[in-house]
Amino acid sequence: MNMVKDLMISGFSDEISSDFDTQLEVVANLGMHYISLRGIDGKNIGDFKVEEIKETVLPRLQKADIHVSSIGSPIGKVFINDEDGFAKQKVMLDELCQISNLLDCKYIRIFSFYIPKGENADQYSNEVIAKLTEFAAIAEKYNVILVHENEKDIYGDIGRRCHEILKAVDSPYFKGIFDFANFVQCGEDTQACYDMLKDEIVYIHIKDAITTDSENVVCGTGEGKIPELLAQFIQSGYKGFLTLEPHLVLFDSLKDLELEEATDVIKDNKGLDGAGGYKLQYDSLLEILKNIKSEEKSL
């Protein structure tokens, strides 16, 4: 029984290059058929309109025979008390849902709002849940699933709060992403997070980290327990995407992602370029899956 065959490998291809044609070429050469769409020719996916994707992006995807596993949106990356920002994001999400439908993509990655510095996140619980519920209602209209990434500096940064919002929003259109590195960087034990969240997880990011200086490292070499937890995900019947997000080199879109300076997250680029970092992560993931598979056989 080959459980590994139910897994599809994707990745944030803007870590390869901001040039979309280069992204597609590298991904295709690796033998991959999916990407997570985030940065296209230096522009964030949230800044595109449906028409533009139809004219300038879809034909290139089709030509390269590459499909989209998820839209790496910036939805939910506004401060919880920024009402203007939230209103704009609802408009953006509506557009992104239409883009998802056009690209035959089921998932849009989102976040659960920045918390004002120095304040206790838990006091914003009700507002966060109310706003996420509004997002989920938009997704439902288009039959798209919003997947929440546990990310530093947002409400759902730790396992407990991820669990809380997933249960409270209680919608088939709002599910969880498991990002190993982000949990490590928030001081969480990834095994405990897995135990708490596994029933709500429909999407996995392959990114690893070490706590000593919060640096991202090649998958399987950090404290994320990626090999052990992937084996548990597979054992419990996870079918779906494993999305590479190496963060091993500085890339253009990183400046949109981190509140801190990007250079603090990636101390040195390990001597790689974007394509090199991506291939290294891809090869490491294949090696992990190969080991899981051979352990499965010997059981």
C-alpha atoms as a PDB file:
ATOM      1  CA  MET A   1       0.000   0.000   0.000  1.00  0.00           C
ATOM      2  CA  ASN A   2       1.777   3.119  -1.194  1.00  0.00           C
ATOM      3  CA  MET A   3       0.505   6.014   0.879  1.00  0.00           C
ATOM      4  CA  VAL A   4       3.164   8.362  -0.460  1.00  0.00           C
ATOM      5  CA  LYS A   5       1.560   8.363  -3.917  1.00  0.00           C
ATOM      6  CA  ASP A   6      -1.356  10.420  -2.565  1.00  0.00           C
ATOM      7  CA  LEU A   7       0.995  13.320  -1.924  1.00  0.00           C
ATOM      8  CA  MET A   8       1.665  16.041  -4.450  1.00  0.00           C
ATOM      9  CA  ILE A   9       4.689  18.271  -4.161  1.00  0.00           C
ATOM     10  CA  SER A  10       4.225  21.970  -4.808  1.00  0.00           C
ATOM     11  CA  GLY A  11       6.135  25.059  -3.772  1.00  0.00           C
ATOM     12  CA  PHE A  12       6.324  28.828  -3.587  1.00  0.00           C
ATOM     13  CA  SER A  13       8.115  29.224  -6.889  1.00  0.00           C
ATOM     14  CA  ASP A  14       8.782  32.947  -6.386  1.00  0.00           C
ATOM     15  CA  GLU A  15      11.632  31.836  -4.119  1.00  0.00           C
ATOM     16  CA  ILE A  16      13.357  30.677  -7.320  1.00  0.00           C
ATOM     17  CA  SER A  17      13.173  34.012  -9.122  1.00  0.00           C
ATOM     18  CA  SER A  18      10.790  36.936  -9.402  1.00  0.00           C
ATOM     19  CA  ASP A  19      10.644  36.205 -13.146  1.00  0.00           C
ATOM     20  CA  PHE A  20       7.621  33.953 -13.705  1.00  0.00           C
ATOM     21  CA  ASP A  21       9.006  32.196 -16.791  1.00  0.00           C
ATOM     22  CA  THR A  22      12.140  31.239 -14.848  1.00  0.00           C
ATOM     23  CA  GLN A  23       9.955  29.920 -12.007  1.00  0.00           C
ATOM     24  CA  LEU A  24       8.014  27.686 -14.394  1.00  0.00           C
ATOM     25  CA  GLU A  25      11.143  26.466 -16.162  1.00  0.00           C
ATOM     26  CA  VAL A  26      12.935  25.446 -12.937  1.00  0.00           C
ATOM     27  CA  VAL A  27       9.835  23.754 -11.504  1.00  0.00           C
ATOM     28  CA  ALA A  28       9.182  21.837 -14.745  1.00  0.00           C
ATOM     29  CA  ASN A  29      12.836  20.748 -14.936  1.00  0.00           C
ATOM     30  CA  LEU A  30      12.591  19.325 -11.411  1.00  0.00           C
ATOM     31  CA  GLY A  31       9.631  17.258 -12.580  1.00  0.00           C
ATOM     32  CA  MET A  32       7.100  19.138 -10.457  1.00  0.00           C
ATOM     33  CA  HIS A  33       3.565  19.854 -11.687  1.00  0.00           C
ATOM     34  CA  TYR A  34       2.295  22.317  -9.086  1.00  0.00           C
ATOM     35  CA  ILE A  35       3.201  25.694  -7.661  1.00  0.00           C
ATOM     36  CA  SER A  36       1.832  27.963  -4.981  1.00  0.00           C
ATOM     37  CA  LEU A  37       1.170  31.270  -6.678  1.00  0.00           C
ATOM     38  CA  ARG A  38       2.474  34.304  -4.772  1.00  0.00           C
ATOM     39  CA  GLY A  39       4.948  36.533  -6.624  1.00  0.00           C
ATOM     40  CA  ILE A  40       4.542  36.841 -10.403  1.00  0.00           C
ATOM     41  CA  ASP A  41       7.094  38.960 -12.266  1.00  0.00           C
ATOM     42  CA  GLY A  42       7.758  40.892  -9.063  1.00  0.00           C
ATOM     43  CA  LYS A  43       4.094  41.599  -8.353  1.00  0.00           C
ATOM     44  CA  ASN A  44       2.091  40.052  -5.504  1.00  0.00           C
ATOM     45  CA  ILE A  45      -0.864  37.814  -6.421  1.00  0.00           C
ATOM     46  CA  GLY A  46      -3.117  40.070  -4.317  1.00  0.00           C
ATOM     47  CA  ASP A  47      -2.514  42.918  -6.771  1.00  0.00           C
ATOM     48  CA  PHE A  48      -3.814  41.041  -9.813  1.00  0.00           C
ATOM     49  CA  LYS A  49      -7.250  41.172 -11.369  1.00  0.00           C
ATOM     50  CA  VAL A  50      -8.955  38.111 -12.885  1.00  0.00           C
ATOM     51  CA  GLU A  51      -8.621  39.450 -16.437  1.00  0.00           C
ATOM     52  CA  GLU A  52      -4.892  39.981 -16.029  1.00  0.00           C
ATOM     53  CA  ILE A  53      -4.373  36.416 -14.741  1.00  0.00           C
ATOM     54  CA  LYS A  54      -6.452  35.106 -17.648  1.00  0.00           C
ATOM     55  CA  GLU A  55      -4.338  37.015 -20.176  1.00  0.00           C
ATOM     56  CA  THR A  56      -0.805  36.949 -18.771  1.00  0.00           C
ATOM     57  CA  VAL A  57      -0.531  34.051 -16.302  1.00  0.00           C
ATOM     58  CA  LEU A  58      -2.891  31.224 -17.247  1.00  0.00           C
ATOM     59  CA  PRO A  59      -1.471  30.740 -20.778  1.00  0.00           C
ATOM     60  CA  ARG A  60       2.058  30.395 -19.379  1.00  0.00           C
ATOM     61  CA  LEU A  61       0.906  27.873 -16.761  1.00  0.00           C
ATOM     62  CA  GLN A  62      -0.894  25.852 -19.426  1.00  0.00           C
ATOM     63  CA  LYS A  63       2.078  25.919 -21.773  1.00  0.00           C
ATOM     64  CA  ALA A  64       4.382  24.659 -18.998  1.00  0.00           C
ATOM     65  CA  ASP A  65       1.752  22.121 -17.852  1.00  0.00           C
ATOM     66  CA  ILE A  66       1.970  23.500 -14.321  1.00  0.00           C
ATOM     67  CA  HIS A  67      -1.081  23.684 -12.040  1.00  0.00           C
ATOM     68  CA  VAL A  68      -1.733  25.820  -8.978  1.00  0.00           C
ATOM     69  CA  SER A  69      -1.990  24.104  -5.586  1.00  0.00           C
ATOM     70  CA  SER A  70      -2.761  27.270  -3.647  1.00  0.00           C
ATOM     71  CA  ILE A  71      -2.868  31.030  -3.911  1.00  0.00           C
ATOM     72  CA  GLY A  72      -0.294  32.479  -1.495  1.00  0.00           C
ATOM     73  CA  SER A  73      -2.353  35.514  -0.608  1.00  0.00           C
ATOM     74  CA  PRO A  74      -1.593  38.318   1.859  1.00  0.00           C
ATOM     75  CA  ILE A  75      -5.170  38.091   3.212  1.00  0.00           C
ATOM     76  CA  GLY A  76      -5.216  38.531   6.993  1.00  0.00           C
ATOM     77  CA  LYS A  77      -1.898  40.359   7.044  1.00  0.00           C
ATOM     78  CA  VAL A  78      -3.337  43.607   8.347  1.00  0.00           C
ATOM     79  CA  PHE A  79      -3.563  44.774  11.932  1.00  0.00           C
ATOM     80  CA  ILE A  80      -6.676  43.520  13.681  1.00  0.00           C
ATOM     81  CA  ASN A  81      -7.818  47.083  14.451  1.00  0.00           C
ATOM     82  CA  ASP A  82      -7.307  48.373  10.879  1.00  0.00           C
ATOM     83  CA  GLU A  83     -10.905  48.554   9.616  1.00  0.00           C
ATOM     84  CA  ASP A  84      -9.973  50.197   6.308  1.00  0.00           C
ATOM     85  CA  GLY A  85      -7.418  47.495   5.669  1.00  0.00           C
ATOM     86  CA  PHE A  86      -9.982  44.803   6.443  1.00  0.00           C
ATOM     87  CA  ALA A  87     -12.546  46.316   4.051  1.00  0.00           C
ATOM     88  CA  LYS A  88      -9.933  46.381   1.262  1.00  0.00           C
ATOM     89  CA  GLN A  89      -8.985  42.806   2.007  1.00  0.00           C
ATOM     90  CA  LYS A  90     -12.560  41.585   1.584  1.00  0.00           C
ATOM     91  CA  VAL A  91     -12.584  43.087  -1.907  1.00  0.00           C
ATOM     92  CA  MET A  92      -9.183  41.496  -2.631  1.00  0.00           C
ATOM     93  CA  LEU A  93     -10.365  38.113  -1.345  1.00  0.00           C
ATOM     94  CA  ASP A  94     -13.403  38.189  -3.614  1.00  0.00           C
ATOM     95  CA  GLU A  95     -11.109  38.784  -6.592  1.00  0.00           C
ATOM     96  CA  LEU A  96      -8.713  36.039  -5.437  1.00  0.00           C
ATOM     97  CA  CYS A  97     -11.592  33.570  -5.146  1.00  0.00           C
ATOM     98  CA  GLN A  98     -12.490  34.312  -8.765  1.00  0.00           C
ATOM     99  CA  ILE A  99      -8.828  33.839  -9.715  1.00  0.00           C
ATOM    100  CA  SER A 100      -8.815  30.507  -7.841  1.00  0.00           C
ATOM    101  CA  ASN A 101     -11.864  29.337  -9.773  1.00  0.00           C
ATOM    102  CA  LEU A 102     -10.240  30.391 -13.049  1.00  0.00           C
ATOM    103  CA  LEU A 103      -7.056  28.463 -12.191  1.00  0.00           C
ATOM    104  CA  ASP A 104      -8.965  25.432 -10.914  1.00  0.00           C
ATOM    105  CA  CYS A 105      -7.293  25.889  -7.543  1.00  0.00           C
ATOM    106  CA  LYS A 106      -9.038  24.881  -4.331  1.00  0.00           C
ATOM    107  CA  TYR A 107      -6.973  26.652  -1.654  1.00  0.00           C
ATOM    108  CA  ILE A 108      -6.163  30.236  -0.711  1.00  0.00           C
ATOM    109  CA  ARG A 109      -3.560  30.694   2.029  1.00  0.00           C
ATOM    110  CA  ILE A 110      -4.530  33.346   4.599  1.00  0.00           C
ATOM    111  CA  PHE A 111      -3.483  34.692   8.017  1.00  0.00           C
ATOM    112  CA  SER A 112      -5.262  35.748  11.202  1.00  0.00           C
ATOM    113  CA  PHE A 113      -4.265  39.395  11.594  1.00  0.00           C
ATOM    114  CA  TYR A 114      -1.325  41.202  13.144  1.00  0.00           C
ATOM    115  CA  ILE A 115      -1.683  42.013  16.838  1.00  0.00           C
ATOM    116  CA  PRO A 116      -0.505  45.463  18.002  1.00  0.00           C
ATOM    117  CA  LYS A 117       3.000  45.150  19.439  1.00  0.00           C
ATOM    118  CA  GLY A 118       3.195  44.477  23.155  1.00  0.00           C
ATOM    119  CA  GLU A 119      -0.490  43.627  23.473  1.00  0.00           C
ATOM    120  CA  ASN A 120      -1.938  40.316  24.585  1.00  0.00           C
ATOM    121  CA  ALA A 121      -3.249  38.517  21.492  1.00  0.00           C
ATOM    122  CA  ASP A 122      -5.957  36.655  23.415  1.00  0.00           C
ATOM    123  CA  GLN A 123      -7.923  39.828  24.106  1.00  0.00           C
ATOM    124  CA  TYR A 124      -8.605  40.098  20.342  1.00  0.00           C
ATOM    125  CA  SER A 125     -10.131  36.634  20.101  1.00  0.00           C
ATOM    126  CA  ASN A 126     -13.687  37.766  19.298  1.00  0.00           C
ATOM    127  CA  GLU A 127     -12.683  40.272  16.617  1.00  0.00           C
ATOM    128  CA  VAL A 128     -10.347  37.767  14.957  1.00  0.00           C
ATOM    129  CA  ILE A 129     -13.031  35.082  14.845  1.00  0.00           C
ATOM    130  CA  ALA A 130     -15.668  37.515  13.550  1.00  0.00           C
ATOM    131  CA  LYS A 131     -13.412  38.723  10.724  1.00  0.00           C
ATOM    132  CA  LEU A 132     -12.239  35.242   9.755  1.00  0.00           C
ATOM    133  CA  THR A 133     -15.895  34.184   9.642  1.00  0.00           C
ATOM    134  CA  GLU A 134     -16.549  36.997   7.145  1.00  0.00           C
ATOM    135  CA  PHE A 135     -13.616  35.785   5.035  1.00  0.00           C
ATOM    136  CA  ALA A 136     -14.970  32.214   5.129  1.00  0.00           C
ATOM    137  CA  ALA A 137     -18.390  33.428   3.937  1.00  0.00           C
ATOM    138  CA  ILE A 138     -16.745  35.006   0.863  1.00  0.00           C
ATOM    139  CA  ALA A 139     -14.842  31.769   0.143  1.00  0.00           C
ATOM    140  CA  GLU A 140     -18.043  29.741   0.457  1.00  0.00           C
ATOM    141  CA  LYS A 141     -19.673  31.697  -2.387  1.00  0.00           C
ATOM    142  CA  TYR A 142     -16.912  30.442  -4.697  1.00  0.00           C
ATOM    143  CA  ASN A 143     -16.477  27.003  -3.144  1.00  0.00           C
ATOM    144  CA  VAL A 144     -12.863  27.805  -2.226  1.00  0.00           C
ATOM    145  CA  ILE A 145     -11.141  26.691   0.997  1.00  0.00           C
ATOM    146  CA  LEU A 146      -9.187  29.271   2.974  1.00  0.00           C
ATOM    147  CA  VAL A 147      -6.169  27.678   4.624  1.00  0.00           C
ATOM    148  CA  HIS A 148      -4.781  29.438   7.679  1.00  0.00           C
ATOM    149  CA  GLU A 149      -1.010  29.595   8.026  1.00  0.00           C
ATOM    150  CA  ASN A 150       0.392  29.649  11.554  1.00  0.00           C
ATOM    151  CA  GLU A 151       2.678  32.651  11.165  1.00  0.00           C
ATOM    152  CA  LYS A 152       4.796  34.743  13.523  1.00  0.00           C
ATOM    153  CA  ASP A 153       3.265  38.005  14.837  1.00  0.00           C
ATOM    154  CA  ILE A 154      -0.346  37.110  13.975  1.00  0.00           C
ATOM    155  CA  TYR A 155      -3.142  35.902  16.248  1.00  0.00           C
ATOM    156  CA  GLY A 156      -2.881  32.266  15.152  1.00  0.00           C
ATOM    157  CA  ASP A 157       0.853  31.958  15.721  1.00  0.00           C
ATOM    158  CA  ILE A 158       0.733  29.161  18.300  1.00  0.00           C
ATOM    159  CA  GLY A 159      -1.058  25.811  18.294  1.00  0.00           C
ATOM    160  CA  ARG A 160      -3.597  26.704  20.950  1.00  0.00           C
ATOM    161  CA  ARG A 161      -4.878  29.795  19.122  1.00  0.00           C
ATOM    162  CA  CYS A 162      -4.855  28.014  15.738  1.00  0.00           C
ATOM    163  CA  HIS A 163      -7.045  25.343  17.300  1.00  0.00           C
ATOM    164  CA  GLU A 164      -9.333  27.967  18.815  1.00  0.00           C
ATOM    165  CA  ILE A 165     -10.021  29.830  15.562  1.00  0.00           C
ATOM    166  CA  LEU A 166     -10.447  26.669  13.477  1.00  0.00           C
ATOM    167  CA  LYS A 167     -13.016  25.339  15.943  1.00  0.00           C
ATOM    168  CA  ALA A 168     -14.773  28.691  16.402  1.00  0.00           C
ATOM    169  CA  VAL A 169     -15.100  29.598  12.718  1.00  0.00           C
ATOM    170  CA  ASP A 170     -16.252  26.012  12.241  1.00  0.00           C
ATOM    171  CA  SER A 171     -16.512  26.104   8.453  1.00  0.00           C
ATOM    172  CA  PRO A 172     -15.552  23.602   5.746  1.00  0.00           C
ATOM    173  CA  TYR A 173     -14.236  26.687   3.925  1.00  0.00           C
ATOM    174  CA  PHE A 174     -11.699  27.517   6.660  1.00  0.00           C
ATOM    175  CA  LYS A 175      -9.021  24.927   7.451  1.00  0.00           C
ATOM    176  CA  GLY A 176      -5.453  24.758   8.686  1.00  0.00           C
ATOM    177  CA  ILE A 177      -1.967  24.755   7.184  1.00  0.00           C
ATOM    178  CA  PHE A 178       0.808  23.094   9.145  1.00  0.00           C
ATOM    179  CA  ASP A 179       4.009  25.131   8.891  1.00  0.00           C
ATOM    180  CA  PHE A 180       6.765  23.415  10.876  1.00  0.00           C
ATOM    181  CA  ALA A 181       9.257  26.302  10.866  1.00  0.00           C
ATOM    182  CA  ASN A 182       6.795  28.936  12.038  1.00  0.00           C
ATOM    183  CA  PHE A 183       5.826  26.827  15.056  1.00  0.00           C
ATOM    184  CA  VAL A 184       9.522  26.337  15.892  1.00  0.00           C
ATOM    185  CA  GLN A 185      10.125  30.073  15.626  1.00  0.00           C
ATOM    186  CA  CYS A 186       7.237  30.737  18.017  1.00  0.00           C
ATOM    187  CA  GLY A 187       8.734  28.360  20.593  1.00  0.00           C
ATOM    188  CA  GLU A 188       6.131  25.658  20.031  1.00  0.00           C
ATOM    189  CA  ASP A 189       6.681  21.898  20.073  1.00  0.00           C
ATOM    190  CA  THR A 190       5.592  20.706  16.638  1.00  0.00           C
ATOM    191  CA  GLN A 191       4.543  17.263  17.899  1.00  0.00           C
ATOM    192  CA  ALA A 192       2.153  18.856  20.413  1.00  0.00           C
ATOM    193  CA  CYS A 193       0.812  21.148  17.645  1.00  0.00           C
ATOM    194  CA  TYR A 194       0.294  18.143  15.377  1.00  0.00           C
ATOM    195  CA  ASP A 195      -1.609  16.269  18.089  1.00  0.00           C
ATOM    196  CA  MET A 196      -3.852  19.274  18.662  1.00  0.00           C
ATOM    197  CA  LEU A 197      -4.460  20.273  15.040  1.00  0.00           C
ATOM    198  CA  LYS A 198      -4.190  17.159  12.878  1.00  0.00           C
ATOM    199  CA  ASP A 199      -7.943  16.875  12.239  1.00  0.00           C
ATOM    200  CA  GLU A 200      -8.106  20.431  10.884  1.00  0.00           C
ATOM    201  CA  ILE A 201      -5.006  20.334   8.663  1.00  0.00           C
ATOM    202  CA  VAL A 202      -5.573  20.078   4.910  1.00  0.00           C
ATOM    203  CA  TYR A 203      -2.323  21.607   3.647  1.00  0.00           C
ATOM    204  CA  ILE A 204       1.344  21.311   4.649  1.00  0.00           C
ATOM    205  CA  HIS A 205       4.264  23.707   4.186  1.00  0.00           C
ATOM    206  CA  ILE A 206       7.719  22.187   4.032  1.00  0.00           C
ATOM    207  CA  LYS A 207       9.881  24.678   5.896  1.00  0.00           C
ATOM    208  CA  ASP A 208      12.221  23.964   8.813  1.00  0.00           C
ATOM    209  CA  ALA A 209      13.973  26.122  11.398  1.00  0.00           C
ATOM    210  CA  ILE A 210      16.164  26.121  14.468  1.00  0.00           C
ATOM    211  CA  THR A 211      15.361  28.135  17.568  1.00  0.00           C
ATOM    212  CA  THR A 212      18.879  29.271  18.416  1.00  0.00           C
ATOM    213  CA  ASP A 213      18.805  32.139  15.948  1.00  0.00           C
ATOM    214  CA  SER A 214      15.400  31.648  14.314  1.00  0.00           C
ATOM    215  CA  GLU A 215      17.084  30.751  11.065  1.00  0.00           C
ATOM    216  CA  ASN A 216      15.419  28.669   8.372  1.00  0.00           C
ATOM    217  CA  VAL A 217      17.293  25.492   7.478  1.00  0.00           C
ATOM    218  CA  VAL A 218      16.965  22.662   4.962  1.00  0.00           C
ATOM    219  CA  CYS A 219      13.917  20.503   5.715  1.00  0.00           C
ATOM    220  CA  GLY A 220      14.669  17.643   8.063  1.00  0.00           C
ATOM    221  CA  THR A 221      17.746  19.340   9.561  1.00  0.00           C
ATOM    222  CA  GLY A 222      15.947  21.650  11.991  1.00  0.00           C
ATOM    223  CA  GLU A 223      13.716  21.309  15.039  1.00  0.00           C
ATOM    224  CA  GLY A 224      10.437  20.977  13.102  1.00  0.00           C
ATOM    225  CA  LYS A 225      10.423  17.146  13.355  1.00  0.00           C
ATOM    226  CA  ILE A 226       9.449  17.021   9.681  1.00  0.00           C
ATOM    227  CA  PRO A 227      10.377  13.358   9.012  1.00  0.00           C
ATOM    228  CA  GLU A 228       8.548  12.061  12.102  1.00  0.00           C
ATOM    229  CA  LEU A 229       5.456  14.214  11.647  1.00  0.00           C
ATOM    230  CA  LEU A 230       5.146  13.609   7.903  1.00  0.00           C
ATOM    231  CA  ALA A 231       5.179   9.891   8.675  1.00  0.00           C
ATOM    232  CA  GLN A 232       2.331  10.484  11.153  1.00  0.00           C
ATOM    233  CA  PHE A 233       0.380  12.630   8.667  1.00  0.00           C
ATOM    234  CA  ILE A 234       0.728   9.924   6.002  1.00  0.00           C
ATOM    235  CA  GLN A 235      -0.141   7.169   8.479  1.00  0.00           C
ATOM    236  CA  SER A 236      -3.323   8.996   9.481  1.00  0.00           C
ATOM    237  CA  GLY A 237      -4.392   9.279   5.841  1.00  0.00           C
ATOM    238  CA  TYR A 238      -3.225  12.778   4.801  1.00  0.00           C
ATOM    239  CA  LYS A 239      -3.719  13.217   1.078  1.00  0.00           C
ATOM    240  CA  GLY A 240      -2.743  16.434  -0.529  1.00  0.00           C
ATOM    241  CA  PHE A 241       0.028  18.934  -1.037  1.00  0.00           C
ATOM    242  CA  LEU A 242       3.447  19.258   0.477  1.00  0.00           C
ATOM    243  CA  THR A 243       4.450  22.784  -0.436  1.00  0.00           C
ATOM    244  CA  LEU A 244       8.093  23.788  -0.454  1.00  0.00           C
ATOM    245  CA  GLU A 245       8.776  27.128   1.191  1.00  0.00           C
ATOM    246  CA  PRO A 246      12.521  26.824   1.673  1.00  0.00           C
ATOM    247  CA  HIS A 247      13.382  30.382   2.821  1.00  0.00           C
ATOM    248  CA  LEU A 248      17.025  29.432   2.328  1.00  0.00           C
ATOM    249  CA  VAL A 249      17.977  32.442   0.236  1.00  0.00           C
ATOM    250  CA  LEU A 250      16.832  36.049   0.077  1.00  0.00           C
ATOM    251  CA  PHE A 251      14.135  36.471  -2.556  1.00  0.00           C
ATOM    252  CA  ASP A 252      12.069  39.455  -3.621  1.00  0.00           C
ATOM    253  CA  SER A 253       8.764  38.478  -2.052  1.00  0.00           C
ATOM    254  CA  LEU A 254      10.314  37.939   1.385  1.00  0.00           C
ATOM    255  CA  LYS A 255      10.152  41.649   2.083  1.00  0.00           C
ATOM    256  CA  ASP A 256       6.337  41.450   1.896  1.00  0.00           C
ATOM    257  CA  LEU A 257       6.194  38.522   4.304  1.00  0.00           C
ATOM    258  CA  GLU A 258       8.194  39.489   7.350  1.00  0.00           C
ATOM    259  CA  LEU A 259       7.605  42.309   9.793  1.00  0.00           C
ATOM    260  CA  GLU A 260      11.299  42.043  10.729  1.00  0.00           C
ATOM    261  CA  GLU A 261      14.053  42.669   8.241  1.00  0.00           C
ATOM    262  CA  ALA A 262      14.300  39.780   5.797  1.00  0.00           C
ATOM    263  CA  THR A 263      18.069  39.696   6.265  1.00  0.00           C
ATOM    264  CA  ASP A 264      17.605  38.877   9.957  1.00  0.00           C
ATOM    265  CA  VAL A 265      15.657  35.745   9.045  1.00  0.00           C
ATOM    266  CA  ILE A 266      18.209  34.536   6.517  1.00  0.00           C
ATOM    267  CA  LYS A 267      21.671  35.315   7.846  1.00  0.00           C
ATOM    268  CA  ASP A 268      23.623  34.214   4.791  1.00  0.00           C
ATOM    269  CA  ASN A 269      22.371  32.613   1.652  1.00  0.00           C
ATOM    270  CA  LYS A 270      24.253  29.323   2.152  1.00  0.00           C
ATOM    271  CA  GLY A 271      25.987  30.055  -1.153  1.00  0.00           C
ATOM    272  CA  LEU A 272      22.863  29.274  -3.165  1.00  0.00           C
ATOM    273  CA  ASP A 273      20.682  31.124  -5.609  1.00  0.00           C
ATOM    274  CA  GLY A 274      16.887  30.774  -5.600  1.00  0.00           C
ATOM    275  CA  ALA A 275      16.842  27.768  -7.916  1.00  0.00           C
ATOM    276  CA  GLY A 276      19.598  26.097  -5.888  1.00  0.00           C
ATOM    277  CA  GLY A 277      17.790  26.594  -2.586  1.00  0.00           C
ATOM    278  CA  TYR A 278      14.569  25.303  -4.086  1.00  0.00           C
ATOM    279  CA  LYS A 279      16.228  22.188  -5.532  1.00  0.00           C
ATOM    280  CA  LEU A 280      17.998  21.500  -2.240  1.00  0.00           C
ATOM    281  CA  GLN A 281      14.685  21.601  -0.365  1.00  0.00           C
ATOM    282  CA  TYR A 282      12.970  19.473  -3.037  1.00  0.00           C
ATOM    283  CA  ASP A 283      15.703  16.818  -2.973  1.00  0.00           C
ATOM    284  CA  SER A 284      15.671  16.754   0.835  1.00  0.00           C
ATOM    285  CA  LEU A 285      11.889  16.270   0.879  1.00  0.00           C
ATOM    286  CA  LEU A 286      12.114  13.424  -1.668  1.00  0.00           C
ATOM    287  CA  GLU A 287      14.749  11.779   0.538  1.00  0.00           C
ATOM    288  CA  ILE A 288      12.478  12.089   3.620  1.00  0.00           C
ATOM    289  CA  LEU A 289       9.538  10.588   1.688  1.00  0.00           C
ATOM    290  CA  LYS A 290      11.733   7.771   0.391  1.00  0.00           C
ATOM    291  CA  ASN A 291      12.732   6.896   3.965  1.00  0.00           C
ATOM    292  CA  ILE A 292       9.111   6.990   5.142  1.00  0.00           C
ATOM    293  CA  LYS A 293       8.158   4.712   2.269  1.00  0.00           C
ATOM    294  CA  SER A 294      10.858   2.165   3.001  1.00  0.00           C
ATOM    295  CA  GLU A 295       9.870   2.165   6.690  1.00  0.00           C
ATOM    296  CA  GLU A 296       6.257   1.578   5.604  1.00  0.00           C
ATOM    297  CA  LYS A 297       7.386  -1.429   3.557  1.00  0.00           C
ATOM    298  CA  SER A 298       9.290  -2.928   6.455  1.00  0.00           C
ATOM    299  CA  LEU A 299       6.302  -2.639   8.825  1.00  0.00           C
END
